[in-house]
Amino acid sequence: MSDRLTSEWTPTAEGAFGQSGKKGRIGELFMIEVLKNKLGWDVVDYEDDYEKQISGIDIGFKSPAWRNMY
């Protein structure tokens, strides 16, 4: 069962999940900051990407030493 507030697509986590989505987004932004600016990794933010979000993918990241993004 999902905690979604709406069955419609929303481009933000807060729009979809309310306060818990807002907290989750703050966590995603923290991880993006650490991975990108502290570690120098490649990071892609998929918050408003419909296909990635319905697949459960919020961010993509890749260490310079890795071949693939995860």
Protein backbone atom coordinates (compact mmCIF):
# COMPACT_ATOMS: atom_id res chain seq x y z
CA MET A 1 0.00 0.00 0.00
CA SER A 2 1.27 3.46 -0.86
CA ASP A 3 1.21 6.64 1.19
CA ARG A 4 0.58 8.71 -1.94
CA LEU A 5 -1.89 11.54 -1.51
CA THR A 6 -2.98 11.30 -5.15
CA SER A 7 -2.94 8.65 -7.86
CA GLU A 8 -2.07 11.37 -10.38
CA TRP A 9 1.53 12.11 -11.38
CA THR A 10 3.10 15.01 -9.50
CA PRO A 11 6.53 16.42 -10.41
CA THR A 12 7.57 16.68 -6.73
CA ALA A 13 7.73 14.25 -3.83
CA GLU A 14 5.92 16.73 -1.61
CA GLY A 15 3.02 16.91 -4.06
CA ALA A 16 2.76 13.14 -4.08
CA PHE A 17 3.41 12.31 -0.42
CA GLY A 18 2.93 15.52 1.56
CA GLN A 19 5.16 16.07 4.59
CA SER A 20 6.88 12.68 4.31
CA GLY A 21 7.70 13.46 0.67
CA LYS A 22 9.15 16.80 1.73
CA LYS A 23 11.37 15.06 4.33
CA GLY A 24 12.45 12.47 1.77
CA ARG A 25 13.33 15.20 -0.70
CA ILE A 26 15.48 16.94 1.91
CA GLY A 27 17.35 13.63 2.32
CA GLU A 28 17.81 13.30 -1.44
CA LEU A 29 19.16 16.84 -1.69
CA PHE A 30 21.58 16.12 1.16
CA MET A 31 22.87 13.00 -0.63
CA ILE A 32 23.20 14.91 -3.91
CA GLU A 33 25.23 17.57 -2.10
CA VAL A 34 27.55 15.01 -0.50
CA LEU A 35 28.03 12.85 -3.58
CA LYS A 36 28.46 15.71 -6.04
CA ASN A 37 30.13 18.51 -4.12
CA LYS A 38 32.05 16.62 -1.41
CA LEU A 39 33.07 13.48 -3.30
CA GLY A 40 33.09 14.85 -6.86
CA TRP A 41 30.82 12.14 -8.24
CA ASP A 42 28.47 12.53 -11.20
CA VAL A 43 24.90 12.87 -9.94
CA VAL A 44 21.59 13.06 -11.83
CA ASP A 45 18.47 14.22 -9.99
CA TYR A 46 15.38 12.45 -11.34
CA GLU A 47 12.76 14.22 -9.18
CA ASP A 48 10.64 15.34 -12.15
CA ASP A 49 11.37 12.39 -14.49
CA TYR A 50 8.15 10.39 -14.75
CA GLU A 51 9.70 7.19 -16.12
CA LYS A 52 12.45 7.05 -13.50
CA GLN A 53 10.09 7.89 -10.64
CA ILE A 54 7.55 5.18 -11.51
CA SER A 55 10.52 2.79 -11.55
CA GLY A 56 11.46 3.93 -8.04
CA ILE A 57 14.63 5.76 -9.08
CA ASP A 58 15.17 9.15 -7.42
CA ILE A 59 18.81 9.88 -8.20
CA GLY A 60 21.60 8.38 -10.26
CA PHE A 61 25.22 8.53 -9.11
CA LYS A 62 28.61 7.46 -10.38
CA SER A 63 32.06 7.54 -8.84
CA PRO A 64 34.76 8.67 -11.30
CA ALA A 65 36.29 5.19 -10.80
CA TRP A 66 33.14 3.38 -11.95
CA ARG A 67 32.05 2.59 -15.49
CA ASN A 68 28.29 2.75 -14.88
CA MET A 69 25.88 5.08 -13.13
CA TYR A 70 23.75 3.55 -10.37
